Amino acid sequence: MKEEFLNAVIEGDVAKVREMLKADATLAQAKDEKGVSAIIKGVYYGKKEVVATLLASGVELNIFEASATGQTERARSGQTRRVAGQRFLIGRVHAARPGCLLRS
């Protein structure tokens, strides 16, 4: 079922993605054998409507998924899964905001 869901994401089949999420909401967190998540696959293949559907489902994002989808506010507010180095990366994102002074 996971493979079928990931294929629907890649193909941009929004109706199938919605149907499968309705049947099993945990599919939003599905990853392939290499650890690539459904949300990253949707972004990579340019399936904007599928990505919007996954985001609307309340999928929990890690820092990389949040960054790829423009959801960095979710990352800063702690609404993401923790991954190694996330605290460091969030600090770097915050420090790089316009108006912040970076010291070398």
PDB file of N, CA and C in Angstrom:
ATOM      1  N   MET A   1       0.831  -1.193   0.000  1.00  0.00           N
ATOM      2  CA  MET A   1       0.000   0.000   0.000  1.00  0.00           C
ATOM      3  C   MET A   1       0.880   1.263   0.000  1.00  0.00           C
ATOM      4  N   LYS A   2       1.985   1.227   0.749  1.00  0.00           N
ATOM      5  CA  LYS A   2       2.893   2.368   0.814  1.00  0.00           C
ATOM      6  C   LYS A   2       3.465   2.674  -0.567  1.00  0.00           C
ATOM      7  N   GLU A   3       3.886   1.644  -1.281  1.00  0.00           N
ATOM      8  CA  GLU A   3       4.461   1.829  -2.613  1.00  0.00           C
ATOM      9  C   GLU A   3       3.424   2.417  -3.571  1.00  0.00           C
ATOM     10  N   GLU A   4       2.197   1.947  -3.466  1.00  0.00           N
ATOM     11  CA  GLU A   4       1.107   2.468  -4.295  1.00  0.00           C
ATOM     12  C   GLU A   4       0.873   3.960  -3.993  1.00  0.00           C
ATOM     13  N   PHE A   5       0.928   4.320  -2.717  1.00  0.00           N
ATOM     14  CA  PHE A   5       0.749   5.713  -2.313  1.00  0.00           C
ATOM     15  C   PHE A   5       1.871   6.581  -2.869  1.00  0.00           C
ATOM     16  N   LEU A   6       3.107   6.141  -2.714  1.00  0.00           N
ATOM     17  CA  LEU A   6       4.247   6.907  -3.219  1.00  0.00           C
ATOM     18  C   LEU A   6       4.190   7.056  -4.737  1.00  0.00           C
ATOM     19  N   ASN A   7       3.728   6.034  -5.438  1.00  0.00           N
ATOM     20  CA  ASN A   7       3.569   6.135  -6.887  1.00  0.00           C
ATOM     21  C   ASN A   7       2.495   7.167  -7.244  1.00  0.00           C
ATOM     22  N   ALA A   8       1.410   7.215  -6.472  1.00  0.00           N
ATOM     23  CA  ALA A   8       0.362   8.211  -6.705  1.00  0.00           C
ATOM     24  C   ALA A   8       0.908   9.618  -6.497  1.00  0.00           C
ATOM     25  N   VAL A   9       1.779   9.785  -5.496  1.00  0.00           N
ATOM     26  CA  VAL A   9       2.415  11.083  -5.250  1.00  0.00           C
ATOM     27  C   VAL A   9       3.268  11.476  -6.452  1.00  0.00           C
ATOM     28  N   ILE A  10       4.112  10.576  -6.908  1.00  0.00           N
ATOM     29  CA  ILE A  10       5.007  10.834  -8.041  1.00  0.00           C
ATOM     30  C   ILE A  10       4.218  11.168  -9.302  1.00  0.00           C
ATOM     31  N   GLU A  11       3.121  10.451  -9.518  1.00  0.00           N
ATOM     32  CA  GLU A  11       2.301  10.659 -10.711  1.00  0.00           C
ATOM     33  C   GLU A  11       1.418  11.902 -10.603  1.00  0.00           C
ATOM     34  N   GLY A  12       1.303  12.453  -9.404  1.00  0.00           N
ATOM     35  CA  GLY A  12       0.461  13.634  -9.224  1.00  0.00           C
ATOM     36  C   GLY A  12      -1.018  13.312  -9.189  1.00  0.00           C
ATOM     37  N   ASP A  13      -1.372  12.088  -8.814  1.00  0.00           N
ATOM     38  CA  ASP A  13      -2.770  11.650  -8.749  1.00  0.00           C
ATOM     39  C   ASP A  13      -3.386  12.104  -7.421  1.00  0.00           C
ATOM     40  N   VAL A  14      -3.851  13.350  -7.401  1.00  0.00           N
ATOM     41  CA  VAL A  14      -4.370  13.963  -6.171  1.00  0.00           C
ATOM     42  C   VAL A  14      -5.557  13.198  -5.618  1.00  0.00           C
ATOM     43  N   ALA A  15      -6.455  12.774  -6.495  1.00  0.00           N
ATOM     44  CA  ALA A  15      -7.651  12.049  -6.040  1.00  0.00           C
ATOM     45  C   ALA A  15      -7.257  10.762  -5.314  1.00  0.00           C
ATOM     46  N   LYS A  16      -6.310  10.039  -5.876  1.00  0.00           N
ATOM     47  CA  LYS A  16      -5.864   8.785  -5.256  1.00  0.00           C
ATOM     48  C   LYS A  16      -5.145   9.066  -3.936  1.00  0.00           C
ATOM     49  N   VAL A  17      -4.306  10.107  -3.909  1.00  0.00           N
ATOM     50  CA  VAL A  17      -3.603  10.469  -2.677  1.00  0.00           C
ATOM     51  C   VAL A  17      -4.623  10.782  -1.581  1.00  0.00           C
ATOM     52  N   ARG A  18      -5.626  11.597  -1.894  1.00  0.00           N
ATOM     53  CA  ARG A  18      -6.665  11.933  -0.903  1.00  0.00           C
ATOM     54  C   ARG A  18      -7.414  10.694  -0.426  1.00  0.00           C
ATOM     55  N   GLU A  19      -7.783   9.844  -1.383  1.00  0.00           N
ATOM     56  CA  GLU A  19      -8.519   8.617  -1.056  1.00  0.00           C
ATOM     57  C   GLU A  19      -7.696   7.718  -0.128  1.00  0.00           C
ATOM     58  N   MET A  20      -6.422   7.564  -0.447  1.00  0.00           N
ATOM     59  CA  MET A  20      -5.577   6.691   0.358  1.00  0.00           C
ATOM     60  C   MET A  20      -5.305   7.295   1.734  1.00  0.00           C
ATOM     61  N   LEU A  21      -5.145   8.622   1.806  1.00  0.00           N
ATOM     62  CA  LEU A  21      -4.958   9.272   3.111  1.00  0.00           C
ATOM     63  C   LEU A  21      -6.205   9.141   3.978  1.00  0.00           C
ATOM     64  N   LYS A  22      -7.368   9.200   3.336  1.00  0.00           N
ATOM     65  CA  LYS A  22      -8.616   9.049   4.080  1.00  0.00           C
ATOM     66  C   LYS A  22      -8.705   7.650   4.693  1.00  0.00           C
ATOM     67  N   ALA A  23      -8.231   6.658   3.954  1.00  0.00           N
ATOM     68  CA  ALA A  23      -8.249   5.273   4.434  1.00  0.00           C
ATOM     69  C   ALA A  23      -7.167   5.011   5.476  1.00  0.00           C
ATOM     70  N   ASP A  24      -6.008   5.672   5.323  1.00  0.00           N
ATOM     71  CA  ASP A  24      -4.885   5.461   6.243  1.00  0.00           C
ATOM     72  C   ASP A  24      -4.044   6.729   6.329  1.00  0.00           C
ATOM     73  N   ALA A  25      -4.310   7.561   7.321  1.00  0.00           N
ATOM     74  CA  ALA A  25      -3.633   8.850   7.473  1.00  0.00           C
ATOM     75  C   ALA A  25      -2.131   8.711   7.695  1.00  0.00           C
ATOM     76  N   THR A  26      -1.678   7.567   8.172  1.00  0.00           N
ATOM     77  CA  THR A  26      -0.245   7.382   8.416  1.00  0.00           C
ATOM     78  C   THR A  26       0.560   7.351   7.119  1.00  0.00           C
ATOM     79  N   LEU A  27      -0.103   7.162   5.989  1.00  0.00           N
ATOM     80  CA  LEU A  27       0.604   7.160   4.709  1.00  0.00           C
ATOM     81  C   LEU A  27       1.262   8.499   4.421  1.00  0.00           C
ATOM     82  N   ALA A  28       0.784   9.570   5.030  1.00  0.00           N
ATOM     83  CA  ALA A  28       1.389  10.887   4.836  1.00  0.00           C
ATOM     84  C   ALA A  28       2.859  10.880   5.252  1.00  0.00           C
ATOM     85  N   GLN A  29       3.225   9.982   6.153  1.00  0.00           N
ATOM     86  CA  GLN A  29       4.604   9.869   6.629  1.00  0.00           C
ATOM     87  C   GLN A  29       5.407   8.805   5.874  1.00  0.00           C
ATOM     88  N   ALA A  30       4.830   8.243   4.797  1.00  0.00           N
ATOM     89  CA  ALA A  30       5.477   7.148   4.069  1.00  0.00           C
ATOM     90  C   ALA A  30       6.811   7.577   3.477  1.00  0.00           C
ATOM     91  N   LYS A  31       7.739   6.622   3.481  1.00  0.00           N
ATOM     92  CA  LYS A  31       9.070   6.825   2.886  1.00  0.00           C
ATOM     93  C   LYS A  31       9.394   5.621   2.017  1.00  0.00           C
ATOM     94  N   ASP A  32      10.204   5.857   0.987  1.00  0.00           N
ATOM     95  CA  ASP A  32      10.630   4.749   0.143  1.00  0.00           C
ATOM     96  C   ASP A  32      11.789   4.002   0.802  1.00  0.00           C
ATOM     97  N   GLU A  33      12.333   3.024   0.085  1.00  0.00           N
ATOM     98  CA  GLU A  33      13.397   2.184   0.642  1.00  0.00           C
ATOM     99  C   GLU A  33      14.680   2.963   0.929  1.00  0.00           C
ATOM    100  N   LYS A  34      14.823   4.152   0.333  1.00  0.00           N
ATOM    101  CA  LYS A  34      15.997   4.987   0.578  1.00  0.00           C
ATOM    102  C   LYS A  34      15.738   6.052   1.644  1.00  0.00           C
ATOM    103  N   GLY A  35      14.523   6.071   2.185  1.00  0.00           N
ATOM    104  CA  GLY A  35      14.193   7.034   3.230  1.00  0.00           C
ATOM    105  C   GLY A  35      13.654   8.363   2.718  1.00  0.00           C
ATOM    106  N   VAL A  36      13.332   8.438   1.428  1.00  0.00           N
ATOM    107  CA  VAL A  36      12.793   9.667   0.850  1.00  0.00           C
ATOM    108  C   VAL A  36      11.290   9.714   1.114  1.00  0.00           C
ATOM    109  N   SER A  37      10.848  10.801   1.741  1.00  0.00           N
ATOM    110  CA  SER A  37       9.445  10.912   2.142  1.00  0.00           C
ATOM    111  C   SER A  37       8.531  11.286   0.982  1.00  0.00           C
ATOM    112  N   ALA A  38       7.245  11.046   1.189  1.00  0.00           N
ATOM    113  CA  ALA A  38       6.228  11.395   0.193  1.00  0.00           C
ATOM    114  C   ALA A  38       6.268  12.889  -0.108  1.00  0.00           C
ATOM    115  N   ILE A  39       6.434  13.708   0.915  1.00  0.00           N
ATOM    116  CA  ILE A  39       6.433  15.162   0.704  1.00  0.00           C
ATOM    117  C   ILE A  39       7.628  15.594  -0.140  1.00  0.00           C
ATOM    118  N   ILE A  40       8.792  15.022   0.102  1.00  0.00           N
ATOM    119  CA  ILE A  40       9.979  15.347  -0.695  1.00  0.00           C
ATOM    120  C   ILE A  40       9.798  14.863  -2.128  1.00  0.00           C
ATOM    121  N   LYS A  41       9.218  13.696  -2.315  1.00  0.00           N
ATOM    122  CA  LYS A  41       8.948  13.202  -3.671  1.00  0.00           C
ATOM    123  C   LYS A  41       8.006  14.150  -4.403  1.00  0.00           C
ATOM    124  N   GLY A  42       6.974  14.609  -3.727  1.00  0.00           N
ATOM    125  CA  GLY A  42       6.032  15.540  -4.340  1.00  0.00           C
ATOM    126  C   GLY A  42       6.711  16.831  -4.764  1.00  0.00           C
ATOM    127  N   VAL A  43       7.575  17.351  -3.900  1.00  0.00           N
ATOM    128  CA  VAL A  43       8.318  18.574  -4.225  1.00  0.00           C
ATOM    129  C   VAL A  43       9.257  18.311  -5.406  1.00  0.00           C
ATOM    130  N   TYR A  44      10.013  17.239  -5.341  1.00  0.00           N
ATOM    131  CA  TYR A  44      10.999  16.919  -6.373  1.00  0.00           C
ATOM    132  C   TYR A  44      10.354  16.791  -7.755  1.00  0.00           C
ATOM    133  N   TYR A  45       9.196  16.110  -7.805  1.00  0.00           N
ATOM    134  CA  TYR A  45       8.524  15.891  -9.082  1.00  0.00           C
ATOM    135  C   TYR A  45       7.586  17.040  -9.472  1.00  0.00           C
ATOM    136  N   GLY A  46       7.558  18.107  -8.680  1.00  0.00           N
ATOM    137  CA  GLY A  46       6.773  19.279  -9.025  1.00  0.00           C
ATOM    138  C   GLY A  46       5.273  19.098  -8.928  1.00  0.00           C
ATOM    139  N   LYS A  47       4.830  18.241  -8.038  1.00  0.00           N
ATOM    140  CA  LYS A  47       3.399  17.945  -7.878  1.00  0.00           C
ATOM    141  C   LYS A  47       2.814  18.841  -6.790  1.00  0.00           C
ATOM    142  N   LYS A  48       2.623  20.111  -7.133  1.00  0.00           N
ATOM    143  CA  LYS A  48       2.210  21.124  -6.160  1.00  0.00           C
ATOM    144  C   LYS A  48       0.890  20.798  -5.473  1.00  0.00           C
ATOM    145  N   GLU A  49      -0.062  20.282  -6.228  1.00  0.00           N
ATOM    146  CA  GLU A  49      -1.367  19.970  -5.633  1.00  0.00           C
ATOM    147  C   GLU A  49      -1.259  18.804  -4.646  1.00  0.00           C
ATOM    148  N   VAL A  50      -0.423  17.838  -4.964  1.00  0.00           N
ATOM    149  CA  VAL A  50      -0.194  16.715  -4.043  1.00  0.00           C
ATOM    150  C   VAL A  50       0.499  17.220  -2.783  1.00  0.00           C
ATOM    151  N   VAL A  51       1.489  18.080  -2.946  1.00  0.00           N
ATOM    152  CA  VAL A  51       2.199  18.639  -1.790  1.00  0.00           C
ATOM    153  C   VAL A  51       1.225  19.416  -0.917  1.00  0.00           C
ATOM    154  N   ALA A  52       0.360  20.219  -1.536  1.00  0.00           N
ATOM    155  CA  ALA A  52      -0.639  20.979  -0.774  1.00  0.00           C
ATOM    156  C   ALA A  52      -1.580  20.042  -0.025  1.00  0.00           C
ATOM    157  N   THR A  53      -1.940  18.937  -0.647  1.00  0.00           N
ATOM    158  CA  THR A  53      -2.812  17.942  -0.005  1.00  0.00           C
ATOM    159  C   THR A  53      -2.111  17.318   1.200  1.00  0.00           C
ATOM    160  N   LEU A  54      -0.842  16.979   1.032  1.00  0.00           N
ATOM    161  CA  LEU A  54      -0.087  16.394   2.145  1.00  0.00           C
ATOM    162  C   LEU A  54       0.052  17.400   3.290  1.00  0.00           C
ATOM    163  N   LEU A  55       0.357  18.648   2.962  1.00  0.00           N
ATOM    164  CA  LEU A  55       0.481  19.672   4.005  1.00  0.00           C
ATOM    165  C   LEU A  55      -0.845  19.882   4.726  1.00  0.00           C
ATOM    166  N   ALA A  56      -1.938  19.887   3.976  1.00  0.00           N
ATOM    167  CA  ALA A  56      -3.266  20.073   4.567  1.00  0.00           C
ATOM    168  C   ALA A  56      -3.648  18.906   5.471  1.00  0.00           C
ATOM    169  N   SER A  57      -3.047  17.746   5.231  1.00  0.00           N
ATOM    170  CA  SER A  57      -3.360  16.571   6.054  1.00  0.00           C
ATOM    171  C   SER A  57      -2.737  16.670   7.443  1.00  0.00           C
ATOM    172  N   GLY A  58      -1.872  17.692   7.618  1.00  0.00           N
ATOM    173  CA  GLY A  58      -1.215  17.857   8.910  1.00  0.00           C
ATOM    174  C   GLY A  58       0.031  17.018   9.050  1.00  0.00           C
ATOM    175  N   VAL A  59       0.599  16.592   7.918  1.00  0.00           N
ATOM    176  CA  VAL A  59       1.805  15.774   7.950  1.00  0.00           C
ATOM    177  C   VAL A  59       2.870  16.471   8.803  1.00  0.00           C
ATOM    178  N   GLU A  60       3.533  15.692   9.618  1.00  0.00           N
ATOM    179  CA  GLU A  60       4.603  16.222  10.465  1.00  0.00           C
ATOM    180  C   GLU A  60       5.872  16.309   9.627  1.00  0.00           C
ATOM    181  N   LEU A  61       6.491  17.482   9.589  1.00  0.00           N
ATOM    182  CA  LEU A  61       7.655  17.718   8.743  1.00  0.00           C
ATOM    183  C   LEU A  61       8.945  17.734   9.544  1.00  0.00           C
ATOM    184  N   ASN A  62      10.024  17.254   8.917  1.00  0.00           N
ATOM    185  CA  ASN A  62      11.340  17.487   9.512  1.00  0.00           C
ATOM    186  C   ASN A  62      11.870  18.790   8.916  1.00  0.00           C
ATOM    187  N   ILE A  63      13.015  19.246   9.352  1.00  0.00           N
ATOM    188  CA  ILE A  63      13.540  20.543   8.921  1.00  0.00           C
ATOM    189  C   ILE A  63      13.754  20.599   7.413  1.00  0.00           C
ATOM    190  N   PHE A  64      14.162  19.518   6.814  1.00  0.00           N
ATOM    191  CA  PHE A  64      14.425  19.495   5.387  1.00  0.00           C
ATOM    192  C   PHE A  64      13.123  19.570   4.594  1.00  0.00           C
ATOM    193  N   GLU A  65      12.106  18.841   5.040  1.00  0.00           N
ATOM    194  CA  GLU A  65      10.791  18.893   4.393  1.00  0.00           C
ATOM    195  C   GLU A  65      10.167  20.282   4.556  1.00  0.00           C
ATOM    196  N   ALA A  66      10.317  20.855   5.743  1.00  0.00           N
ATOM    197  CA  ALA A  66       9.774  22.194   5.997  1.00  0.00           C
ATOM    198  C   ALA A  66      10.435  23.210   5.082  1.00  0.00           C
ATOM    199  N   SER A  67      11.729  23.093   4.920  1.00  0.00           N
ATOM    200  CA  SER A  67      12.469  24.009   4.055  1.00  0.00           C
ATOM    201  C   SER A  67      12.065  23.826   2.594  1.00  0.00           C
ATOM    202  N   ALA A  68      11.941  22.589   2.146  1.00  0.00           N
ATOM    203  CA  ALA A  68      11.603  22.302   0.748  1.00  0.00           C
ATOM    204  C   ALA A  68      10.201  22.776   0.387  1.00  0.00           C
ATOM    205  N   THR A  69       9.324  22.860   1.384  1.00  0.00           N
ATOM    206  CA  THR A  69       7.933  23.253   1.130  1.00  0.00           C
ATOM    207  C   THR A  69       7.643  24.688   1.542  1.00  0.00           C
ATOM    208  N   GLY A  70       8.669  25.401   1.985  1.00  0.00           N
ATOM    209  CA  GLY A  70       8.447  26.781   2.404  1.00  0.00           C
ATOM    210  C   GLY A  70       7.725  26.900   3.725  1.00  0.00           C
ATOM    211  N   GLN A  71       7.778  25.868   4.520  1.00  0.00           N
ATOM    212  CA  GLN A  71       7.083  25.835   5.803  1.00  0.00           C
ATOM    213  C   GLN A  71       8.048  26.028   6.966  1.00  0.00           C
ATOM    214  N   THR A  72       9.037  26.916   6.795  1.00  0.00           N
ATOM    215  CA  THR A  72      10.055  27.071   7.831  1.00  0.00           C
ATOM    216  C   THR A  72       9.481  27.615   9.130  1.00  0.00           C
ATOM    217  N   GLU A  73       8.371  28.316   9.084  1.00  0.00           N
ATOM    218  CA  GLU A  73       7.741  28.778  10.329  1.00  0.00           C
ATOM    219  C   GLU A  73       7.308  27.590  11.177  1.00  0.00           C
ATOM    220  N   ARG A  74       6.853  26.509  10.512  1.00  0.00           N
ATOM    221  CA  ARG A  74       6.508  25.292  11.249  1.00  0.00           C
ATOM    222  C   ARG A  74       7.747  24.733  11.940  1.00  0.00           C
ATOM    223  N   ALA A  75       8.894  24.838  11.274  1.00  0.00           N
ATOM    224  CA  ALA A  75      10.137  24.329  11.850  1.00  0.00           C
ATOM    225  C   ALA A  75      10.537  25.164  13.057  1.00  0.00           C
ATOM    226  N   ARG A  76      10.438  26.478  12.929  1.00  0.00           N
ATOM    227  CA  ARG A  76      10.831  27.359  14.026  1.00  0.00           C
ATOM    228  C   ARG A  76       9.903  27.231  15.219  1.00  0.00           C
ATOM    229  N   SER A  77       8.639  26.912  14.958  1.00  0.00           N
ATOM    230  CA  SER A  77       7.681  26.826  16.058  1.00  0.00           C
ATOM    231  C   SER A  77       7.671  25.445  16.705  1.00  0.00           C
ATOM    232  N   GLY A  78       8.503  24.538  16.200  1.00  0.00           N
ATOM    233  CA  GLY A  78       8.602  23.214  16.817  1.00  0.00           C
ATOM    234  C   GLY A  78       7.586  22.218  16.300  1.00  0.00           C
ATOM    235  N   GLN A  79       6.888  22.517  15.212  1.00  0.00           N
ATOM    236  CA  GLN A  79       5.884  21.615  14.669  1.00  0.00           C
ATOM    237  C   GLN A  79       6.488  20.648  13.662  1.00  0.00           C
ATOM    238  N   THR A  80       7.703  20.245  13.894  1.00  0.00           N
ATOM    239  CA  THR A  80       8.380  19.333  12.982  1.00  0.00           C
ATOM    240  C   THR A  80       8.981  18.181  13.761  1.00  0.00           C
ATOM    241  N   ARG A  81       9.303  17.104  13.039  1.00  0.00           N
ATOM    242  CA  ARG A  81      10.041  15.996  13.649  1.00  0.00           C
ATOM    243  C   ARG A  81      11.479  16.442  13.807  1.00  0.00           C
ATOM    244  N   ARG A  82      12.116  16.005  14.840  1.00  0.00           N
ATOM    245  CA  ARG A  82      13.529  16.344  15.066  1.00  0.00           C
ATOM    246  C   ARG A  82      14.412  15.408  14.252  1.00  0.00           C
ATOM    247  N   VAL A  83      15.417  15.976  13.662  1.00  0.00           N
ATOM    248  CA  VAL A  83      16.439  15.184  12.982  1.00  0.00           C
ATOM    249  C   VAL A  83      17.786  15.698  13.458  1.00  0.00           C
ATOM    250  N   ALA A  84      18.811  14.891  13.274  1.00  0.00           N
ATOM    251  CA  ALA A  84      20.144  15.279  13.725  1.00  0.00           C
ATOM    252  C   ALA A  84      20.532  16.613  13.112  1.00  0.00           C
ATOM    253  N   GLY A  85      20.995  17.519  13.932  1.00  0.00           N
ATOM    254  CA  GLY A  85      21.455  18.807  13.459  1.00  0.00           C
ATOM    255  C   GLY A  85      20.373  19.853  13.279  1.00  0.00           C
ATOM    256  N   GLN A  86      19.125  19.501  13.559  1.00  0.00           N
ATOM    257  CA  GLN A  86      18.041  20.452  13.315  1.00  0.00           C
ATOM    258  C   GLN A  86      18.201  21.726  14.129  1.00  0.00           C
ATOM    259  N   ARG A  87      18.566  21.628  15.375  1.00  0.00           N
ATOM    260  CA  ARG A  87      18.713  22.828  16.200  1.00  0.00           C
ATOM    261  C   ARG A  87      19.763  23.760  15.586  1.00  0.00           C
ATOM    262  N   PHE A  88      20.864  23.189  15.104  1.00  0.00           N
ATOM    263  CA  PHE A  88      21.908  23.974  14.451  1.00  0.00           C
ATOM    264  C   PHE A  88      21.360  24.653  13.202  1.00  0.00           C
ATOM    265  N   LEU A  89      20.627  23.883  12.372  1.00  0.00           N
ATOM    266  CA  LEU A  89      20.097  24.436  11.128  1.00  0.00           C
ATOM    267  C   LEU A  89      19.076  25.535  11.388  1.00  0.00           C
ATOM    268  N   ILE A  90      18.211  25.345  12.347  1.00  0.00           N
ATOM    269  CA  ILE A  90      17.226  26.377  12.659  1.00  0.00           C
ATOM    270  C   ILE A  90      17.940  27.644  13.089  1.00  0.00           C
ATOM    271  N   GLY A  91      18.980  27.509  13.881  1.00  0.00           N
ATOM    272  CA  GLY A  91      19.750  28.675  14.287  1.00  0.00           C
ATOM    273  C   GLY A  91      20.350  29.388  13.094  1.00  0.00           C
ATOM    274  N   ARG A  92      20.845  28.647  12.119  1.00  0.00           N
ATOM    275  CA  ARG A  92      21.432  29.239  10.920  1.00  0.00           C
ATOM    276  C   ARG A  92      20.363  29.950  10.091  1.00  0.00           C
ATOM    277  N   VAL A  93      19.178  29.335   9.953  1.00  0.00           N
ATOM    278  CA  VAL A  93      18.086  29.965   9.208  1.00  0.00           C
ATOM    279  C   VAL A  93      17.709  31.275   9.883  1.00  0.00           C
ATOM    280  N   HIS A  94      17.592  31.250  11.203  1.00  0.00           N
ATOM    281  CA  HIS A  94      17.223  32.446  11.947  1.00  0.00           C
ATOM    282  C   HIS A  94      18.296  33.521  11.793  1.00  0.00           C
ATOM    283  N   ALA A  95      19.553  33.153  11.878  1.00  0.00           N
ATOM    284  CA  ALA A  95      20.647  34.115  11.790  1.00  0.00           C
ATOM    285  C   ALA A  95      20.749  34.737  10.400  1.00  0.00           C
ATOM    286  N   ALA A  96      20.290  34.040   9.396  1.00  0.00           N
ATOM    287  CA  ALA A  96      20.405  34.530   8.031  1.00  0.00           C
ATOM    288  C   ALA A  96      19.225  35.398   7.601  1.00  0.00           C
ATOM    289  N   ARG A  97      18.298  35.644   8.493  1.00  0.00           N
ATOM    290  CA  ARG A  97      17.146  36.482   8.146  1.00  0.00           C
ATOM    291  C   ARG A  97      17.608  37.890   7.809  1.00  0.00           C
ATOM    292  N   PRO A  98      16.913  38.543   6.874  1.00  0.00           N
ATOM    293  CA  PRO A  98      17.258  39.932   6.545  1.00  0.00           C
ATOM    294  C   PRO A  98      17.235  40.796   7.796  1.00  0.00           C
ATOM    295  N   GLY A  99      18.187  41.686   7.887  1.00  0.00           N
ATOM    296  CA  GLY A  99      18.257  42.575   9.028  1.00  0.00           C
ATOM    297  C   GLY A  99      19.122  42.064  10.158  1.00  0.00           C
ATOM    298  N   CYS A 100      19.500  40.801  10.092  1.00  0.00           N
ATOM    299  CA  CYS A 100      20.383  40.238  11.117  1.00  0.00           C
ATOM    300  C   CYS A 100      21.834  40.503  10.715  1.00  0.00           C
ATOM    301  N   LEU A 101      22.643  40.775  11.686  1.00  0.00           N
ATOM    302  CA  LEU A 101      24.061  40.994  11.410  1.00  0.00           C
ATOM    303  C   LEU A 101      24.815  39.682  11.573  1.00  0.00           C
ATOM    304  N   LEU A 102      25.514  39.303  10.542  1.00  0.00           N
ATOM    305  CA  LEU A 102      26.322  38.081  10.608  1.00  0.00           C
ATOM    306  C   LEU A 102      27.762  38.495  10.820  1.00  0.00           C
ATOM    307  N   ARG A 103      28.407  37.842  11.737  1.00  0.00           N
ATOM    308  CA  ARG A 103      29.815  38.137  12.011  1.00  0.00           C
ATOM    309  C   ARG A 103      30.674  37.024  11.457  1.00  0.00           C
ATOM    310  N   SER A 104      31.793  37.390  10.905  1.00  0.00           N
ATOM    311  CA  SER A 104      32.695  36.366  10.358  1.00  0.00           C
ATOM    312  C   SER A 104      33.766  36.036  11.357  1.00  0.00           C
TER     313      SER A 104
END
